[in-house]
Amino acid sequence: MKKGYSYLLKNLSDSIFEMMLKLGEKHNSSMCIYYTEDLATFLLGTDVDKTAENIIAFKPYAEERLGRIDVERASDGRYGIRVYSEGIDKIMDSNPRKAFLNELIEKIRDRSCSIDEIKKIFAKESSDFVCEEIDDSEFQYVVYFNDEGIDEYKYCFTFDVMGSYYHRLIDYDFDKLVHHKH
C-alpha cells in the first residue's frame, strides 16, 4: 500500500472499525487512536523530522472525509487522532470487512476457540491464506491472506488457560514485535 495521508487514514479507519466491532458497535461520541512516532512516520512515508508537521497537515485531509477530528501529542510522545461520532458513523457504514471481523471477534470470545476454527473463518474469505506457528513469547500463530487486497493485516493468535485472543498487525508492526526489526 502506498504510504501517505491515505494510508494513515485507512489505518485509522480500520482501527476504529475493529474497536467498534469489539465494543458491539455501541455508539461512541469519539474515539482516539494513538500512534508511536515511528509508526506514524512509517504510515505517512515521511522522515522522522517531518512527522509532526505531516500529522498536523493530515488533519484537514481527514476532516474532508470524516468530519471533525483532533490531533494531539500525548505526554509519552505518541500522536493521538480523535475521530468524532460523524466520522465513526462514516467508517462503520463504509467498511466491507464487517462480516469477516464480526465472525472472528465472536469466535475469539469463545474460550474454547481453536486455531482450526479460526482457519475456517479465513477460508470462507479465501482459500489463499497462510497459517504459521510462530516462535514468539506472546503469540502462537500468525494467520494472513496472501492477497493483501482481501486484507493486509497479520492476525496473531494465542490460545491459553486465560482463553483466546488476537492482535491485528500491519507488516511494520509484525516485523517490529515478532521479528524485532526496525
N, C-alpha and C. Protein backbone atom coordinates (compact mmCIF):
# COMPACT_ATOMS: atom_id res chain seq x y z
N MET A 1 0.83 -1.18 0.00
CA MET A 1 0.00 0.00 0.00
C MET A 1 0.87 1.23 0.00
N LYS A 2 0.49 2.21 -0.78
CA LYS A 2 1.25 3.45 -0.86
C LYS A 2 1.09 4.22 0.45
N LYS A 3 2.20 4.67 0.98
CA LYS A 3 2.17 5.40 2.24
C LYS A 3 1.77 6.84 1.99
N GLY A 4 1.33 7.50 3.05
CA GLY A 4 0.92 8.90 2.97
C GLY A 4 -0.38 9.10 3.73
N TYR A 5 -1.02 10.23 3.47
CA TYR A 5 -2.26 10.55 4.18
C TYR A 5 -3.32 9.47 3.99
N SER A 6 -3.45 8.94 2.78
CA SER A 6 -4.50 7.94 2.54
C SER A 6 -4.22 6.65 3.33
N TYR A 7 -2.96 6.29 3.49
CA TYR A 7 -2.63 5.08 4.24
C TYR A 7 -2.86 5.29 5.74
N LEU A 8 -2.50 6.46 6.25
CA LEU A 8 -2.77 6.76 7.65
C LEU A 8 -4.28 6.78 7.90
N LEU A 9 -5.04 7.36 6.99
CA LEU A 9 -6.50 7.40 7.13
C LEU A 9 -7.08 5.98 7.11
N LYS A 10 -6.56 5.13 6.22
CA LYS A 10 -7.03 3.73 6.16
C LYS A 10 -6.74 3.03 7.48
N ASN A 11 -5.53 3.20 8.00
CA ASN A 11 -5.16 2.55 9.25
C ASN A 11 -6.02 3.06 10.41
N LEU A 12 -6.23 4.34 10.46
CA LEU A 12 -7.07 4.95 11.49
C LEU A 12 -8.49 4.39 11.40
N SER A 13 -9.03 4.37 10.20
CA SER A 13 -10.39 3.87 9.98
C SER A 13 -10.50 2.39 10.33
N ASP A 14 -9.51 1.60 9.91
CA ASP A 14 -9.52 0.17 10.22
C ASP A 14 -9.46 -0.07 11.73
N SER A 15 -8.65 0.72 12.42
CA SER A 15 -8.51 0.57 13.88
C SER A 15 -9.81 0.91 14.59
N ILE A 16 -10.44 2.00 14.18
CA ILE A 16 -11.71 2.40 14.79
C ILE A 16 -12.79 1.35 14.48
N PHE A 17 -12.81 0.88 13.25
CA PHE A 17 -13.79 -0.13 12.85
C PHE A 17 -13.67 -1.37 13.72
N GLU A 18 -12.46 -1.87 13.88
CA GLU A 18 -12.24 -3.07 14.69
C GLU A 18 -12.63 -2.82 16.14
N MET A 19 -12.26 -1.68 16.70
CA MET A 19 -12.61 -1.38 18.09
C MET A 19 -14.12 -1.28 18.27
N MET A 20 -14.81 -0.68 17.33
CA MET A 20 -16.26 -0.57 17.42
C MET A 20 -16.91 -1.96 17.37
N LEU A 21 -16.40 -2.83 16.53
CA LEU A 21 -16.93 -4.20 16.48
C LEU A 21 -16.69 -4.92 17.81
N LYS A 22 -15.53 -4.73 18.38
CA LYS A 22 -15.22 -5.37 19.66
C LYS A 22 -16.12 -4.83 20.77
N LEU A 23 -16.51 -3.57 20.65
CA LEU A 23 -17.40 -2.96 21.64
C LEU A 23 -18.86 -3.26 21.36
N GLY A 24 -19.14 -4.01 20.31
CA GLY A 24 -20.52 -4.32 19.96
C GLY A 24 -21.21 -3.18 19.23
N GLU A 25 -20.43 -2.33 18.59
CA GLU A 25 -20.93 -1.19 17.82
C GLU A 25 -21.76 -0.22 18.64
N LYS A 26 -21.53 -0.18 19.93
CA LYS A 26 -22.20 0.81 20.76
C LYS A 26 -21.72 2.19 20.32
N HIS A 27 -22.64 3.12 20.23
CA HIS A 27 -22.30 4.44 19.70
C HIS A 27 -21.34 5.16 20.65
N ASN A 28 -20.30 5.69 20.10
CA ASN A 28 -19.34 6.48 20.86
C ASN A 28 -19.37 7.91 20.36
N SER A 29 -19.20 8.86 21.26
CA SER A 29 -19.13 10.25 20.83
C SER A 29 -17.79 10.56 20.18
N SER A 30 -16.76 9.81 20.59
CA SER A 30 -15.45 9.96 19.94
C SER A 30 -14.59 8.75 20.30
N MET A 31 -13.54 8.59 19.52
CA MET A 31 -12.58 7.53 19.77
C MET A 31 -11.21 8.07 19.34
N CYS A 32 -10.21 7.82 20.17
CA CYS A 32 -8.86 8.31 19.87
C CYS A 32 -7.93 7.12 19.67
N ILE A 33 -7.23 7.14 18.55
CA ILE A 33 -6.24 6.10 18.26
C ILE A 33 -4.86 6.74 18.38
N TYR A 34 -3.97 6.07 19.10
CA TYR A 34 -2.63 6.60 19.35
C TYR A 34 -1.60 5.88 18.49
N TYR A 35 -0.66 6.67 17.98
CA TYR A 35 0.42 6.16 17.13
C TYR A 35 1.76 6.58 17.71
N THR A 36 2.67 5.60 17.83
CA THR A 36 4.03 5.95 18.20
C THR A 36 4.62 6.76 17.05
N GLU A 37 5.65 7.51 17.35
CA GLU A 37 6.25 8.35 16.31
C GLU A 37 6.79 7.50 15.15
N ASP A 38 7.40 6.36 15.46
CA ASP A 38 7.95 5.53 14.39
C ASP A 38 6.85 4.95 13.51
N LEU A 39 5.71 4.56 14.10
CA LEU A 39 4.61 4.03 13.29
C LEU A 39 3.98 5.14 12.45
N ALA A 40 3.76 6.31 13.04
CA ALA A 40 3.21 7.43 12.27
C ALA A 40 4.14 7.80 11.11
N THR A 41 5.42 7.79 11.37
CA THR A 41 6.41 8.08 10.33
C THR A 41 6.31 7.06 9.21
N PHE A 42 6.21 5.78 9.57
CA PHE A 42 6.08 4.72 8.58
C PHE A 42 4.81 4.89 7.75
N LEU A 43 3.66 5.06 8.41
CA LEU A 43 2.38 5.17 7.70
C LEU A 43 2.36 6.38 6.76
N LEU A 44 2.95 7.47 7.20
CA LEU A 44 2.98 8.67 6.37
C LEU A 44 4.04 8.59 5.27
N GLY A 45 5.00 7.68 5.43
CA GLY A 45 6.08 7.56 4.44
C GLY A 45 6.96 8.79 4.42
N THR A 46 7.24 9.30 5.59
CA THR A 46 7.99 10.54 5.71
C THR A 46 9.27 10.32 6.51
N ASP A 47 10.07 11.35 6.62
CA ASP A 47 11.23 11.32 7.50
C ASP A 47 10.77 11.69 8.90
N VAL A 48 11.43 11.13 9.91
CA VAL A 48 11.01 11.34 11.28
C VAL A 48 10.95 12.84 11.64
N ASP A 49 11.85 13.64 11.07
CA ASP A 49 11.85 15.07 11.40
C ASP A 49 10.68 15.82 10.75
N LYS A 50 9.93 15.17 9.87
CA LYS A 50 8.77 15.78 9.20
C LYS A 50 7.44 15.20 9.73
N THR A 51 7.51 14.24 10.64
CA THR A 51 6.29 13.57 11.10
C THR A 51 5.33 14.54 11.77
N ALA A 52 5.81 15.37 12.68
CA ALA A 52 4.92 16.28 13.41
C ALA A 52 4.17 17.20 12.45
N GLU A 53 4.87 17.79 11.49
CA GLU A 53 4.17 18.70 10.55
C GLU A 53 3.24 17.93 9.62
N ASN A 54 3.58 16.70 9.28
CA ASN A 54 2.69 15.90 8.42
C ASN A 54 1.43 15.44 9.16
N ILE A 55 1.56 15.17 10.45
CA ILE A 55 0.38 14.81 11.24
C ILE A 55 -0.56 16.01 11.31
N ILE A 56 -0.01 17.20 11.51
CA ILE A 56 -0.83 18.43 11.55
C ILE A 56 -1.50 18.64 10.19
N ALA A 57 -0.75 18.44 9.11
CA ALA A 57 -1.30 18.62 7.76
C ALA A 57 -2.31 17.52 7.40
N PHE A 58 -2.25 16.40 8.09
CA PHE A 58 -3.20 15.31 7.88
C PHE A 58 -4.61 15.70 8.33
N LYS A 59 -4.70 16.57 9.32
CA LYS A 59 -6.00 16.92 9.91
C LYS A 59 -7.01 17.40 8.86
N PRO A 60 -6.70 18.41 8.02
CA PRO A 60 -7.71 18.83 7.03
C PRO A 60 -8.03 17.73 6.01
N TYR A 61 -7.05 16.92 5.66
CA TYR A 61 -7.27 15.80 4.74
C TYR A 61 -8.31 14.85 5.34
N ALA A 62 -8.12 14.49 6.59
CA ALA A 62 -9.04 13.56 7.26
C ALA A 62 -10.40 14.20 7.49
N GLU A 63 -10.42 15.48 7.82
CA GLU A 63 -11.69 16.16 8.07
C GLU A 63 -12.57 16.23 6.82
N GLU A 64 -11.95 16.32 5.66
CA GLU A 64 -12.73 16.30 4.40
C GLU A 64 -13.48 14.98 4.26
N ARG A 65 -12.95 13.91 4.82
CA ARG A 65 -13.51 12.58 4.65
C ARG A 65 -14.34 12.11 5.85
N LEU A 66 -13.98 12.60 7.05
CA LEU A 66 -14.62 12.08 8.26
C LEU A 66 -15.33 13.14 9.10
N GLY A 67 -15.23 14.39 8.73
CA GLY A 67 -15.76 15.44 9.61
C GLY A 67 -14.70 15.80 10.64
N ARG A 68 -15.13 16.44 11.69
CA ARG A 68 -14.20 16.95 12.71
C ARG A 68 -13.31 15.86 13.29
N ILE A 69 -12.03 16.16 13.38
CA ILE A 69 -11.07 15.32 14.11
C ILE A 69 -10.16 16.24 14.91
N ASP A 70 -9.51 15.71 15.89
CA ASP A 70 -8.50 16.44 16.64
C ASP A 70 -7.22 15.62 16.62
N VAL A 71 -6.10 16.33 16.62
CA VAL A 71 -4.79 15.70 16.67
C VAL A 71 -4.09 16.23 17.91
N GLU A 72 -3.53 15.32 18.68
CA GLU A 72 -2.86 15.72 19.91
C GLU A 72 -1.54 14.98 20.06
N ARG A 73 -0.69 15.49 20.91
CA ARG A 73 0.56 14.81 21.23
C ARG A 73 0.51 14.44 22.70
N ALA A 74 0.57 13.17 22.99
CA ALA A 74 0.49 12.68 24.37
C ALA A 74 1.82 12.94 25.09
N SER A 75 1.78 12.90 26.39
CA SER A 75 2.98 13.16 27.19
C SER A 75 4.08 12.14 26.92
N ASP A 76 3.70 10.94 26.44
CA ASP A 76 4.71 9.91 26.13
C ASP A 76 5.24 10.02 24.70
N GLY A 77 4.81 11.06 23.97
CA GLY A 77 5.32 11.30 22.62
C GLY A 77 4.46 10.72 21.50
N ARG A 78 3.46 9.92 21.85
CA ARG A 78 2.59 9.36 20.81
C ARG A 78 1.67 10.45 20.27
N TYR A 79 1.24 10.23 19.03
CA TYR A 79 0.26 11.11 18.41
C TYR A 79 -1.12 10.49 18.57
N GLY A 80 -2.07 11.28 19.03
CA GLY A 80 -3.44 10.82 19.16
C GLY A 80 -4.29 11.49 18.08
N ILE A 81 -5.08 10.68 17.39
CA ILE A 81 -6.01 11.20 16.39
C ILE A 81 -7.41 10.82 16.85
N ARG A 82 -8.19 11.84 17.22
CA ARG A 82 -9.54 11.63 17.75
C ARG A 82 -10.56 11.86 16.65
N VAL A 83 -11.40 10.86 16.46
CA VAL A 83 -12.48 10.92 15.47
C VAL A 83 -13.79 10.99 16.24
N TYR A 84 -14.69 11.87 15.78
CA TYR A 84 -15.97 12.07 16.47
C TYR A 84 -17.07 11.25 15.80
N SER A 85 -18.26 11.27 16.40
CA SER A 85 -19.35 10.37 16.00
C SER A 85 -19.66 10.41 14.51
N GLU A 86 -19.63 11.58 13.88
CA GLU A 86 -19.90 11.65 12.43
C GLU A 86 -18.91 10.78 11.65
N GLY A 87 -17.65 10.89 12.00
CA GLY A 87 -16.61 10.09 11.33
C GLY A 87 -16.72 8.62 11.66
N ILE A 88 -17.03 8.30 12.92
CA ILE A 88 -17.20 6.90 13.30
C ILE A 88 -18.33 6.28 12.49
N ASP A 89 -19.43 7.01 12.36
CA ASP A 89 -20.57 6.51 11.57
C ASP A 89 -20.16 6.26 10.12
N LYS A 90 -19.40 7.18 9.55
CA LYS A 90 -18.94 7.01 8.15
C LYS A 90 -18.05 5.77 8.03
N ILE A 91 -17.17 5.59 8.99
CA ILE A 91 -16.28 4.43 8.98
C ILE A 91 -17.09 3.14 9.08
N MET A 92 -18.04 3.09 9.98
CA MET A 92 -18.83 1.88 10.19
C MET A 92 -19.71 1.56 8.98
N ASP A 93 -20.20 2.58 8.30
CA ASP A 93 -21.08 2.38 7.14
C ASP A 93 -20.33 1.98 5.87
N SER A 94 -19.03 2.27 5.82
CA SER A 94 -18.32 2.09 4.55
C SER A 94 -17.34 0.92 4.54
N ASN A 95 -17.23 0.16 5.62
CA ASN A 95 -16.21 -0.88 5.68
C ASN A 95 -16.78 -2.24 5.24
N PRO A 96 -16.19 -2.84 4.19
CA PRO A 96 -16.68 -4.12 3.68
C PRO A 96 -16.25 -5.34 4.51
N ARG A 97 -15.44 -5.16 5.54
CA ARG A 97 -14.88 -6.28 6.31
C ARG A 97 -15.77 -6.68 7.49
N LYS A 98 -16.95 -6.14 7.60
CA LYS A 98 -17.78 -6.33 8.77
C LYS A 98 -18.08 -7.80 9.07
N ALA A 99 -18.52 -8.56 8.10
CA ALA A 99 -18.89 -9.96 8.35
C ALA A 99 -17.68 -10.77 8.81
N PHE A 100 -16.56 -10.63 8.13
CA PHE A 100 -15.34 -11.38 8.48
C PHE A 100 -14.90 -11.05 9.91
N LEU A 101 -14.74 -9.75 10.20
CA LEU A 101 -14.25 -9.37 11.52
C LEU A 101 -15.25 -9.71 12.62
N ASN A 102 -16.52 -9.52 12.35
CA ASN A 102 -17.54 -9.88 13.35
C ASN A 102 -17.44 -11.36 13.71
N GLU A 103 -17.33 -12.20 12.70
CA GLU A 103 -17.24 -13.64 12.95
C GLU A 103 -15.96 -13.99 13.71
N LEU A 104 -14.86 -13.36 13.33
CA LEU A 104 -13.58 -13.60 14.00
C LEU A 104 -13.65 -13.17 15.48
N ILE A 105 -14.18 -11.99 15.72
CA ILE A 105 -14.29 -11.47 17.09
C ILE A 105 -15.20 -12.36 17.94
N GLU A 106 -16.32 -12.77 17.37
CA GLU A 106 -17.23 -13.65 18.11
C GLU A 106 -16.59 -15.00 18.43
N LYS A 107 -15.84 -15.54 17.48
CA LYS A 107 -15.17 -16.83 17.71
C LYS A 107 -14.10 -16.70 18.79
N ILE A 108 -13.35 -15.62 18.77
CA ILE A 108 -12.29 -15.40 19.76
C ILE A 108 -12.88 -15.27 21.17
N ARG A 109 -14.07 -14.74 21.27
CA ARG A 109 -14.72 -14.59 22.58
C ARG A 109 -15.08 -15.94 23.20
N ASP A 110 -15.15 -16.98 22.37
CA ASP A 110 -15.43 -18.34 22.84
C ASP A 110 -14.15 -18.88 23.48
N ARG A 111 -14.19 -19.12 24.77
CA ARG A 111 -12.98 -19.54 25.49
C ARG A 111 -12.40 -20.85 24.98
N SER A 112 -13.20 -21.66 24.29
CA SER A 112 -12.71 -22.94 23.78
C SER A 112 -12.32 -22.85 22.30
N CYS A 113 -12.18 -21.67 21.79
CA CYS A 113 -11.82 -21.43 20.39
C CYS A 113 -10.49 -22.13 20.05
N SER A 114 -10.38 -22.62 18.82
CA SER A 114 -9.15 -23.28 18.39
C SER A 114 -8.64 -22.66 17.09
N ILE A 115 -7.41 -22.93 16.76
CA ILE A 115 -6.84 -22.42 15.52
C ILE A 115 -7.57 -23.00 14.31
N ASP A 116 -8.06 -24.23 14.41
CA ASP A 116 -8.80 -24.82 13.29
C ASP A 116 -10.08 -24.02 13.00
N GLU A 117 -10.76 -23.56 14.04
CA GLU A 117 -11.95 -22.74 13.84
C GLU A 117 -11.60 -21.39 13.21
N ILE A 118 -10.47 -20.83 13.61
CA ILE A 118 -10.01 -19.57 13.03
C ILE A 118 -9.71 -19.77 11.54
N LYS A 119 -9.05 -20.87 11.22
CA LYS A 119 -8.73 -21.15 9.81
C LYS A 119 -10.00 -21.28 8.96
N LYS A 120 -11.05 -21.83 9.52
CA LYS A 120 -12.32 -21.95 8.78
C LYS A 120 -12.90 -20.57 8.45
N ILE A 121 -12.75 -19.64 9.36
CA ILE A 121 -13.24 -18.27 9.12
C ILE A 121 -12.45 -17.63 8.00
N PHE A 122 -11.13 -17.81 8.00
CA PHE A 122 -10.30 -17.27 6.92
C PHE A 122 -10.64 -17.93 5.59
N ALA A 123 -10.86 -19.23 5.62
CA ALA A 123 -11.16 -19.98 4.39
C ALA A 123 -12.45 -19.52 3.73
N LYS A 124 -13.39 -19.03 4.52
CA LYS A 124 -14.64 -18.50 3.94
C LYS A 124 -14.36 -17.29 3.06
N GLU A 125 -13.32 -16.52 3.40
CA GLU A 125 -12.95 -15.33 2.63
C GLU A 125 -12.12 -15.70 1.40
N SER A 126 -11.17 -16.62 1.61
CA SER A 126 -10.28 -17.04 0.54
C SER A 126 -9.52 -18.28 0.99
N SER A 127 -9.34 -19.20 0.06
CA SER A 127 -8.54 -20.39 0.39
C SER A 127 -7.05 -20.07 0.36
N ASP A 128 -6.70 -18.89 -0.14
CA ASP A 128 -5.30 -18.48 -0.28
C ASP A 128 -4.86 -17.68 0.95
N PHE A 129 -4.72 -18.40 2.08
CA PHE A 129 -4.24 -17.76 3.29
C PHE A 129 -3.14 -18.62 3.89
N VAL A 130 -2.39 -18.02 4.79
CA VAL A 130 -1.27 -18.68 5.45
C VAL A 130 -1.57 -18.78 6.93
N CYS A 131 -1.28 -19.93 7.51
CA CYS A 131 -1.37 -20.11 8.95
C CYS A 131 -0.04 -20.74 9.38
N GLU A 132 0.71 -20.00 10.19
CA GLU A 132 2.01 -20.48 10.63
C GLU A 132 2.09 -20.46 12.15
N GLU A 133 2.70 -21.50 12.69
CA GLU A 133 3.05 -21.47 14.10
C GLU A 133 4.28 -20.58 14.21
N ILE A 134 4.29 -19.69 15.20
CA ILE A 134 5.44 -18.80 15.32
C ILE A 134 6.10 -18.97 16.68
N ASP A 135 7.39 -18.75 16.69
CA ASP A 135 8.19 -18.86 17.90
C ASP A 135 8.28 -17.46 18.51
N ASP A 136 7.29 -17.12 19.31
CA ASP A 136 7.24 -15.80 19.91
C ASP A 136 6.67 -15.95 21.32
N SER A 137 7.15 -15.17 22.25
CA SER A 137 6.69 -15.29 23.63
C SER A 137 5.23 -14.87 23.81
N GLU A 138 4.72 -14.02 22.91
CA GLU A 138 3.36 -13.52 23.06
C GLU A 138 2.33 -14.23 22.18
N PHE A 139 2.74 -14.72 21.01
CA PHE A 139 1.80 -15.30 20.06
C PHE A 139 2.20 -16.72 19.70
N GLN A 140 1.19 -17.52 19.35
CA GLN A 140 1.45 -18.89 18.93
C GLN A 140 1.31 -19.07 17.42
N TYR A 141 0.38 -18.31 16.81
CA TYR A 141 0.10 -18.46 15.38
C TYR A 141 -0.03 -17.09 14.73
N VAL A 142 0.34 -17.04 13.45
CA VAL A 142 0.03 -15.88 12.63
C VAL A 142 -0.77 -16.40 11.43
N VAL A 143 -1.86 -15.70 11.13
CA VAL A 143 -2.71 -16.08 10.01
C VAL A 143 -2.94 -14.82 9.18
N TYR A 144 -2.78 -14.96 7.86
CA TYR A 144 -2.97 -13.80 6.99
C TYR A 144 -3.29 -14.27 5.57
N PHE A 145 -3.89 -13.37 4.80
CA PHE A 145 -4.20 -13.65 3.41
C PHE A 145 -2.99 -13.32 2.55
N ASN A 146 -2.73 -14.16 1.53
CA ASN A 146 -1.65 -13.86 0.59
C ASN A 146 -1.99 -12.63 -0.25
N ASP A 147 -3.27 -12.42 -0.53
CA ASP A 147 -3.71 -11.26 -1.30
C ASP A 147 -4.05 -10.13 -0.34
N GLU A 148 -3.18 -9.12 -0.26
CA GLU A 148 -3.42 -8.00 0.65
C GLU A 148 -4.65 -7.20 0.24
N GLY A 149 -5.14 -7.41 -0.98
CA GLY A 149 -6.37 -6.75 -1.41
C GLY A 149 -7.57 -7.25 -0.62
N ILE A 150 -7.49 -8.46 -0.11
CA ILE A 150 -8.55 -9.00 0.74
C ILE A 150 -8.44 -8.37 2.12
N ASP A 151 -7.23 -8.39 2.65
CA ASP A 151 -6.97 -7.87 4.00
C ASP A 151 -5.46 -7.83 4.16
N GLU A 152 -4.93 -6.70 4.53
CA GLU A 152 -3.47 -6.55 4.62
C GLU A 152 -2.89 -6.97 5.96
N TYR A 153 -3.74 -7.26 6.93
CA TYR A 153 -3.26 -7.48 8.30
C TYR A 153 -2.80 -8.91 8.55
N LYS A 154 -1.86 -9.00 9.49
CA LYS A 154 -1.44 -10.28 10.03
C LYS A 154 -2.15 -10.42 11.37
N TYR A 155 -2.87 -11.51 11.54
CA TYR A 155 -3.61 -11.78 12.76
C TYR A 155 -2.79 -12.75 13.60
N CYS A 156 -2.38 -12.30 14.77
CA CYS A 156 -1.53 -13.09 15.65
C CYS A 156 -2.36 -13.61 16.82
N PHE A 157 -2.41 -14.92 16.98
CA PHE A 157 -3.30 -15.57 17.93
C PHE A 157 -2.55 -16.24 19.06
N THR A 158 -3.20 -16.26 20.22
CA THR A 158 -2.74 -17.01 21.37
C THR A 158 -3.93 -17.75 21.96
N PHE A 159 -3.72 -19.00 22.30
CA PHE A 159 -4.73 -19.84 22.96
C PHE A 159 -4.07 -20.39 24.22
N ASP A 160 -4.61 -20.01 25.38
CA ASP A 160 -4.03 -20.49 26.62
C ASP A 160 -5.11 -20.63 27.69
N VAL A 161 -4.71 -20.87 28.93
CA VAL A 161 -5.68 -21.08 30.01
C VAL A 161 -6.55 -19.86 30.26
N MET A 162 -6.10 -18.70 29.84
CA MET A 162 -6.88 -17.46 30.02
C MET A 162 -7.91 -17.29 28.90
N GLY A 163 -7.85 -18.13 27.89
CA GLY A 163 -8.77 -18.03 26.76
C GLY A 163 -8.01 -17.82 25.47
N SER A 164 -8.66 -17.18 24.53
CA SER A 164 -8.00 -16.92 23.24
C SER A 164 -8.07 -15.43 22.96
N TYR A 165 -7.04 -14.95 22.29
CA TYR A 165 -7.03 -13.55 21.90
C TYR A 165 -6.17 -13.37 20.67
N TYR A 166 -6.31 -12.20 20.05
CA TYR A 166 -5.52 -11.92 18.86
C TYR A 166 -5.13 -10.45 18.83
N HIS A 167 -4.10 -10.18 18.03
CA HIS A 167 -3.71 -8.81 17.69
C HIS A 167 -3.66 -8.75 16.17
N ARG A 168 -4.13 -7.66 15.63
CA ARG A 168 -4.15 -7.45 14.18
C ARG A 168 -3.07 -6.43 13.87
N LEU A 169 -2.07 -6.83 13.09
CA LEU A 169 -0.89 -6.02 12.87
C LEU A 169 -0.61 -5.81 11.38
N ILE A 170 -0.16 -4.61 11.04
CA ILE A 170 0.38 -4.40 9.69
C ILE A 170 1.78 -5.01 9.68
N ASP A 171 2.33 -5.23 8.50
CA ASP A 171 3.66 -5.84 8.40
C ASP A 171 4.70 -5.12 9.25
N TYR A 172 4.66 -3.79 9.24
CA TYR A 172 5.63 -3.00 10.00
C TYR A 172 5.61 -3.39 11.48
N ASP A 173 4.41 -3.42 12.08
CA ASP A 173 4.30 -3.78 13.50
C ASP A 173 4.64 -5.25 13.73
N PHE A 174 4.23 -6.12 12.81
CA PHE A 174 4.54 -7.54 12.94
C PHE A 174 6.05 -7.75 12.96
N ASP A 175 6.74 -7.13 12.00
CA ASP A 175 8.20 -7.26 11.96
C ASP A 175 8.85 -6.70 13.22
N LYS A 176 8.33 -5.60 13.71
CA LYS A 176 8.89 -4.97 14.89
C LYS A 176 8.65 -5.82 16.14
N LEU A 177 7.44 -6.34 16.30
CA LEU A 177 7.11 -7.12 17.51
C LEU A 177 7.62 -8.55 17.48
N VAL A 178 7.44 -9.21 16.35
CA VAL A 178 7.76 -10.63 16.28
C VAL A 178 9.21 -10.88 15.82
N HIS A 179 9.63 -10.11 14.84
CA HIS A 179 10.99 -10.32 14.31
C HIS A 179 11.98 -9.32 14.85
N HIS A 180 11.52 -8.37 15.66
CA HIS A 180 12.37 -7.37 16.32
C HIS A 180 13.20 -6.58 15.32
N LYS A 181 12.57 -6.21 14.19
CA LYS A 181 13.25 -5.39 13.18
C LYS A 181 12.88 -3.93 13.41
N HIS A 182 13.50 -3.05 12.69
CA HIS A 182 13.28 -1.59 12.67
C HIS A 182 13.98 -0.94 13.82
